[in-house]
Amino acid sequence: MDDFAQLELLSLVSKVTSEINNYMGIADKTIAEFVIAEHAKCPDLPEFQAALEEYEFPKSLTESIDRLVRTLHPGYKRDVRNGKDEKNGKVQGSRSTHTWGEELRLKAGYAES
């Protein structure tokens, strides 16, 4: 991940942290990083909401975080520029065989537990 993409990711983490703080009164960067990693695992908003349901995240908060991630995440920006194959989730014009979420976990070092 290049420096600019890393900066964009840090900005996203900051905005998600702020959003969680506004809704739930918890300002924790680690929770924001976890939520962004969960978003990368989920192909759509309903599945993302279901993944965060056990942590009692309000529906409006998950919708807001989904909007932020889709707008600010470097992986989504790349998909918009290159064109994403909606059928299988792979990026067109790329040599990668991974979806952007898989690439994010590989490049950013997100460890699955």
N, C-alpha and C. Protein backbone atom coordinates (compact mmCIF):
# COMPACT_ATOMS: atom_id res chain seq x y z
N MET A 1 0.85 -1.16 0.00
CA MET A 1 0.00 0.00 0.00
C MET A 1 0.91 1.23 0.00
N ASP A 2 0.67 2.14 -0.95
CA ASP A 2 1.51 3.31 -1.02
C ASP A 2 1.19 4.31 0.11
N ASP A 3 2.02 5.32 0.23
CA ASP A 3 1.89 6.27 1.34
C ASP A 3 0.56 7.02 1.30
N PHE A 4 0.12 7.41 0.11
CA PHE A 4 -1.13 8.16 0.00
C PHE A 4 -2.32 7.28 0.40
N ALA A 5 -2.32 6.04 -0.01
CA ALA A 5 -3.41 5.13 0.36
C ALA A 5 -3.39 4.89 1.87
N GLN A 6 -2.22 4.80 2.45
CA GLN A 6 -2.10 4.63 3.90
C GLN A 6 -2.66 5.85 4.63
N LEU A 7 -2.39 7.03 4.11
CA LEU A 7 -2.92 8.26 4.69
C LEU A 7 -4.45 8.29 4.58
N GLU A 8 -4.98 7.87 3.43
CA GLU A 8 -6.43 7.81 3.26
C GLU A 8 -7.06 6.83 4.25
N LEU A 9 -6.40 5.71 4.47
CA LEU A 9 -6.91 4.71 5.42
C LEU A 9 -6.89 5.26 6.85
N LEU A 10 -5.84 5.98 7.22
CA LEU A 10 -5.79 6.61 8.54
C LEU A 10 -6.89 7.65 8.71
N SER A 11 -7.16 8.40 7.66
CA SER A 11 -8.24 9.38 7.70
C SER A 11 -9.59 8.68 7.88
N LEU A 12 -9.78 7.57 7.20
CA LEU A 12 -11.01 6.79 7.33
C LEU A 12 -11.17 6.28 8.76
N VAL A 13 -10.10 5.76 9.34
CA VAL A 13 -10.15 5.26 10.72
C VAL A 13 -10.55 6.39 11.66
N SER A 14 -10.00 7.58 11.44
CA SER A 14 -10.33 8.73 12.27
C SER A 14 -11.80 9.10 12.15
N LYS A 15 -12.33 9.09 10.94
CA LYS A 15 -13.75 9.45 10.73
C LYS A 15 -14.68 8.39 11.32
N VAL A 16 -14.33 7.12 11.17
CA VAL A 16 -15.16 6.06 11.75
C VAL A 16 -15.11 6.13 13.27
N THR A 17 -13.93 6.41 13.83
CA THR A 17 -13.81 6.59 15.28
C THR A 17 -14.72 7.71 15.76
N SER A 18 -14.71 8.82 15.04
CA SER A 18 -15.55 9.96 15.38
C SER A 18 -17.03 9.60 15.30
N GLU A 19 -17.41 8.87 14.27
CA GLU A 19 -18.81 8.47 14.09
C GLU A 19 -19.26 7.54 15.22
N ILE A 20 -18.43 6.59 15.59
CA ILE A 20 -18.76 5.68 16.70
C ILE A 20 -18.86 6.47 18.01
N ASN A 21 -17.98 7.43 18.19
CA ASN A 21 -18.03 8.27 19.38
C ASN A 21 -19.33 9.08 19.43
N ASN A 22 -19.75 9.62 18.29
CA ASN A 22 -20.99 10.40 18.24
C ASN A 22 -22.21 9.56 18.59
N TYR A 23 -22.25 8.33 18.12
CA TYR A 23 -23.42 7.47 18.34
C TYR A 23 -23.39 6.76 19.68
N MET A 24 -22.21 6.29 20.08
CA MET A 24 -22.14 5.39 21.23
C MET A 24 -21.31 5.94 22.40
N GLY A 25 -20.63 7.06 22.20
CA GLY A 25 -19.83 7.64 23.27
C GLY A 25 -18.53 6.89 23.55
N ILE A 26 -18.04 6.13 22.56
CA ILE A 26 -16.81 5.36 22.71
C ILE A 26 -15.83 5.85 21.64
N ALA A 27 -14.71 6.40 22.07
CA ALA A 27 -13.70 6.89 21.13
C ALA A 27 -12.50 5.96 21.18
N ASP A 28 -12.55 4.89 20.39
CA ASP A 28 -11.49 3.89 20.40
C ASP A 28 -11.10 3.56 18.96
N LYS A 29 -9.86 3.86 18.60
CA LYS A 29 -9.36 3.61 17.25
C LYS A 29 -9.38 2.12 16.91
N THR A 30 -9.13 1.27 17.88
CA THR A 30 -9.10 -0.17 17.64
C THR A 30 -10.47 -0.68 17.21
N ILE A 31 -11.52 -0.16 17.82
CA ILE A 31 -12.89 -0.56 17.44
C ILE A 31 -13.16 -0.12 16.00
N ALA A 32 -12.73 1.08 15.65
CA ALA A 32 -12.92 1.56 14.28
C ALA A 32 -12.20 0.67 13.28
N GLU A 33 -10.97 0.27 13.58
CA GLU A 33 -10.22 -0.61 12.69
C GLU A 33 -10.91 -1.97 12.57
N PHE A 34 -11.46 -2.47 13.68
CA PHE A 34 -12.19 -3.73 13.64
C PHE A 34 -13.42 -3.62 12.75
N VAL A 35 -14.16 -2.53 12.89
CA VAL A 35 -15.38 -2.33 12.10
C VAL A 35 -15.04 -2.23 10.61
N ILE A 36 -13.96 -1.55 10.28
CA ILE A 36 -13.53 -1.45 8.87
C ILE A 36 -13.13 -2.81 8.34
N ALA A 37 -12.45 -3.61 9.15
CA ALA A 37 -12.07 -4.97 8.74
C ALA A 37 -13.31 -5.84 8.55
N GLU A 38 -14.31 -5.69 9.43
CA GLU A 38 -15.57 -6.43 9.27
C GLU A 38 -16.26 -6.02 7.98
N HIS A 39 -16.21 -4.74 7.65
CA HIS A 39 -16.83 -4.26 6.42
C HIS A 39 -16.18 -4.91 5.20
N ALA A 40 -14.88 -5.11 5.26
CA ALA A 40 -14.16 -5.73 4.14
C ALA A 40 -14.59 -7.17 3.93
N LYS A 41 -15.05 -7.84 4.99
CA LYS A 41 -15.48 -9.23 4.88
C LYS A 41 -16.90 -9.38 4.33
N CYS A 42 -17.67 -8.31 4.39
CA CYS A 42 -19.09 -8.37 4.02
C CYS A 42 -19.32 -7.78 2.63
N PRO A 43 -20.01 -8.51 1.77
CA PRO A 43 -20.21 -8.02 0.41
C PRO A 43 -21.27 -6.93 0.28
N ASP A 44 -22.17 -6.80 1.24
CA ASP A 44 -23.22 -5.79 1.13
C ASP A 44 -23.64 -5.27 2.50
N LEU A 45 -24.46 -4.22 2.49
CA LEU A 45 -24.87 -3.57 3.73
C LEU A 45 -25.65 -4.48 4.67
N PRO A 46 -26.64 -5.26 4.21
CA PRO A 46 -27.36 -6.13 5.15
C PRO A 46 -26.46 -7.12 5.89
N GLU A 47 -25.48 -7.67 5.19
CA GLU A 47 -24.56 -8.61 5.84
C GLU A 47 -23.65 -7.88 6.83
N PHE A 48 -23.26 -6.66 6.50
CA PHE A 48 -22.45 -5.85 7.40
C PHE A 48 -23.24 -5.52 8.67
N GLN A 49 -24.50 -5.17 8.49
CA GLN A 49 -25.36 -4.88 9.65
C GLN A 49 -25.53 -6.12 10.52
N ALA A 50 -25.69 -7.26 9.89
CA ALA A 50 -25.84 -8.51 10.65
C ALA A 50 -24.56 -8.84 11.42
N ALA A 51 -23.40 -8.55 10.81
CA ALA A 51 -22.13 -8.83 11.47
C ALA A 51 -21.94 -7.96 12.73
N LEU A 52 -22.48 -6.74 12.71
CA LEU A 52 -22.31 -5.83 13.85
C LEU A 52 -23.50 -5.87 14.80
N GLU A 53 -24.50 -6.63 14.46
CA GLU A 53 -25.71 -6.70 15.28
C GLU A 53 -25.41 -7.22 16.69
N GLU A 54 -24.53 -8.20 16.81
CA GLU A 54 -24.22 -8.76 18.12
C GLU A 54 -23.51 -7.76 19.04
N TYR A 55 -22.95 -6.69 18.47
CA TYR A 55 -22.28 -5.67 19.27
C TYR A 55 -23.21 -4.48 19.54
N GLU A 56 -24.48 -4.62 19.20
CA GLU A 56 -25.52 -3.63 19.44
C GLU A 56 -25.24 -2.29 18.76
N PHE A 57 -24.72 -2.35 17.53
CA PHE A 57 -24.54 -1.13 16.75
C PHE A 57 -25.89 -0.73 16.17
N PRO A 58 -26.30 0.52 16.33
CA PRO A 58 -27.56 0.96 15.74
C PRO A 58 -27.51 0.87 14.21
N LYS A 59 -28.66 0.61 13.61
CA LYS A 59 -28.73 0.47 12.16
C LYS A 59 -28.25 1.73 11.46
N SER A 60 -28.62 2.89 12.00
CA SER A 60 -28.21 4.15 11.38
C SER A 60 -26.69 4.33 11.44
N LEU A 61 -26.06 3.82 12.50
CA LEU A 61 -24.60 3.91 12.60
C LEU A 61 -23.94 3.02 11.55
N THR A 62 -24.43 1.80 11.38
CA THR A 62 -23.83 0.91 10.38
C THR A 62 -24.03 1.47 8.98
N GLU A 63 -25.16 2.10 8.73
CA GLU A 63 -25.39 2.72 7.42
C GLU A 63 -24.41 3.87 7.20
N SER A 64 -24.18 4.66 8.23
CA SER A 64 -23.25 5.78 8.14
C SER A 64 -21.82 5.29 7.92
N ILE A 65 -21.42 4.25 8.65
CA ILE A 65 -20.07 3.70 8.49
C ILE A 65 -19.91 3.09 7.09
N ASP A 66 -20.94 2.40 6.61
CA ASP A 66 -20.91 1.83 5.27
C ASP A 66 -20.68 2.94 4.23
N ARG A 67 -21.40 4.04 4.37
CA ARG A 67 -21.25 5.17 3.45
C ARG A 67 -19.83 5.73 3.53
N LEU A 68 -19.31 5.90 4.74
CA LEU A 68 -17.95 6.42 4.90
C LEU A 68 -16.91 5.50 4.25
N VAL A 69 -17.03 4.21 4.51
CA VAL A 69 -16.05 3.27 3.96
C VAL A 69 -16.13 3.24 2.44
N ARG A 70 -17.33 3.19 1.90
CA ARG A 70 -17.46 3.16 0.44
C ARG A 70 -16.98 4.44 -0.22
N THR A 71 -17.05 5.55 0.50
CA THR A 71 -16.61 6.83 -0.05
C THR A 71 -15.12 7.07 0.12
N LEU A 72 -14.56 6.69 1.27
CA LEU A 72 -13.20 7.09 1.61
C LEU A 72 -12.14 6.00 1.55
N HIS A 73 -12.55 4.75 1.53
CA HIS A 73 -11.56 3.66 1.56
C HIS A 73 -10.80 3.58 0.24
N PRO A 74 -9.48 3.50 0.30
CA PRO A 74 -8.68 3.42 -0.93
C PRO A 74 -9.06 2.23 -1.82
N GLY A 75 -9.49 1.12 -1.24
CA GLY A 75 -9.88 -0.05 -2.03
C GLY A 75 -11.12 0.23 -2.86
N TYR A 76 -12.07 0.93 -2.32
CA TYR A 76 -13.27 1.27 -3.08
C TYR A 76 -12.97 2.32 -4.13
N LYS A 77 -12.10 3.27 -3.82
CA LYS A 77 -11.73 4.28 -4.80
C LYS A 77 -11.07 3.62 -6.00
N ARG A 78 -10.22 2.63 -5.76
CA ARG A 78 -9.56 1.91 -6.85
C ARG A 78 -10.59 1.17 -7.68
N ASP A 79 -11.60 0.57 -7.02
CA ASP A 79 -12.64 -0.15 -7.74
C ASP A 79 -13.41 0.78 -8.67
N VAL A 80 -13.67 1.99 -8.21
CA VAL A 80 -14.40 2.95 -9.02
C VAL A 80 -13.57 3.35 -10.23
N ARG A 81 -12.27 3.56 -10.03
CA ARG A 81 -11.39 3.96 -11.14
C ARG A 81 -11.22 2.83 -12.16
N ASN A 82 -11.01 1.62 -11.70
CA ASN A 82 -10.71 0.50 -12.59
C ASN A 82 -11.96 -0.23 -13.07
N GLY A 83 -13.07 -0.06 -12.38
CA GLY A 83 -14.27 -0.80 -12.72
C GLY A 83 -14.28 -2.13 -12.01
N LYS A 84 -15.29 -2.35 -11.20
CA LYS A 84 -15.36 -3.58 -10.41
C LYS A 84 -16.34 -4.53 -11.06
N ASP A 85 -15.97 -5.76 -11.15
CA ASP A 85 -16.85 -6.79 -11.65
C ASP A 85 -17.83 -7.14 -10.53
N GLU A 86 -19.08 -6.71 -10.65
CA GLU A 86 -20.06 -6.91 -9.59
C GLU A 86 -20.40 -8.38 -9.39
N LYS A 87 -20.25 -9.19 -10.42
CA LYS A 87 -20.64 -10.59 -10.31
C LYS A 87 -19.76 -11.36 -9.33
N ASN A 88 -18.44 -11.19 -9.43
CA ASN A 88 -17.56 -11.98 -8.56
C ASN A 88 -16.74 -11.12 -7.61
N GLY A 89 -16.91 -9.80 -7.63
CA GLY A 89 -16.23 -8.94 -6.67
C GLY A 89 -14.77 -8.70 -6.96
N LYS A 90 -14.28 -9.14 -8.11
CA LYS A 90 -12.87 -8.96 -8.44
C LYS A 90 -12.69 -7.66 -9.23
N VAL A 91 -11.54 -7.09 -9.11
CA VAL A 91 -11.25 -5.84 -9.78
C VAL A 91 -10.84 -6.14 -11.22
N GLN A 92 -11.52 -5.48 -12.17
CA GLN A 92 -11.18 -5.66 -13.58
C GLN A 92 -9.92 -4.86 -13.88
N GLY A 93 -9.14 -5.33 -14.82
CA GLY A 93 -7.92 -4.63 -15.21
C GLY A 93 -6.77 -4.86 -14.24
N SER A 94 -6.94 -5.74 -13.32
CA SER A 94 -5.92 -6.03 -12.32
C SER A 94 -5.47 -7.47 -12.50
N ARG A 95 -4.24 -7.76 -12.17
CA ARG A 95 -3.76 -9.13 -12.27
C ARG A 95 -4.14 -9.95 -11.05
N SER A 96 -4.65 -9.30 -10.05
CA SER A 96 -4.97 -9.97 -8.79
C SER A 96 -6.14 -10.92 -8.94
N THR A 97 -6.08 -12.02 -8.22
CA THR A 97 -7.19 -12.96 -8.19
C THR A 97 -7.99 -12.81 -6.91
N HIS A 98 -7.64 -11.80 -6.09
CA HIS A 98 -8.31 -11.57 -4.83
C HIS A 98 -9.35 -10.47 -4.98
N THR A 99 -10.38 -10.52 -4.15
CA THR A 99 -11.31 -9.39 -4.07
C THR A 99 -10.59 -8.27 -3.35
N TRP A 100 -11.14 -7.07 -3.41
CA TRP A 100 -10.45 -5.94 -2.76
C TRP A 100 -10.36 -6.16 -1.25
N GLY A 101 -11.35 -6.80 -0.63
CA GLY A 101 -11.31 -7.05 0.80
C GLY A 101 -10.17 -7.99 1.17
N GLU A 102 -9.96 -9.02 0.33
CA GLU A 102 -8.86 -9.94 0.57
C GLU A 102 -7.53 -9.22 0.39
N GLU A 103 -7.44 -8.37 -0.62
CA GLU A 103 -6.21 -7.60 -0.83
C GLU A 103 -5.94 -6.68 0.35
N LEU A 104 -7.00 -6.07 0.86
CA LEU A 104 -6.84 -5.19 2.01
C LEU A 104 -6.26 -5.95 3.19
N ARG A 105 -6.81 -7.12 3.48
CA ARG A 105 -6.31 -7.90 4.61
C ARG A 105 -4.87 -8.34 4.38
N LEU A 106 -4.52 -8.69 3.14
CA LEU A 106 -3.16 -9.12 2.85
C LEU A 106 -2.17 -7.96 2.95
N LYS A 107 -2.53 -6.81 2.36
CA LYS A 107 -1.61 -5.68 2.31
C LYS A 107 -1.53 -4.94 3.64
N ALA A 108 -2.66 -4.77 4.29
CA ALA A 108 -2.67 -3.98 5.53
C ALA A 108 -2.31 -4.82 6.74
N GLY A 109 -2.19 -6.13 6.55
CA GLY A 109 -1.80 -6.99 7.65
C GLY A 109 -2.91 -7.28 8.62
N TYR A 110 -4.16 -7.19 8.16
CA TYR A 110 -5.28 -7.53 9.04
C TYR A 110 -5.24 -9.01 9.30
N ALA A 111 -5.18 -9.37 10.56
CA ALA A 111 -5.15 -10.78 10.94
C ALA A 111 -6.53 -11.23 11.30
N GLU A 112 -6.93 -12.35 10.74
CA GLU A 112 -8.22 -12.91 11.10
C GLU A 112 -8.04 -13.76 12.34
N SER A 113 -8.96 -13.60 13.25
CA SER A 113 -8.85 -14.37 14.48
C SER A 113 -9.83 -15.50 14.51
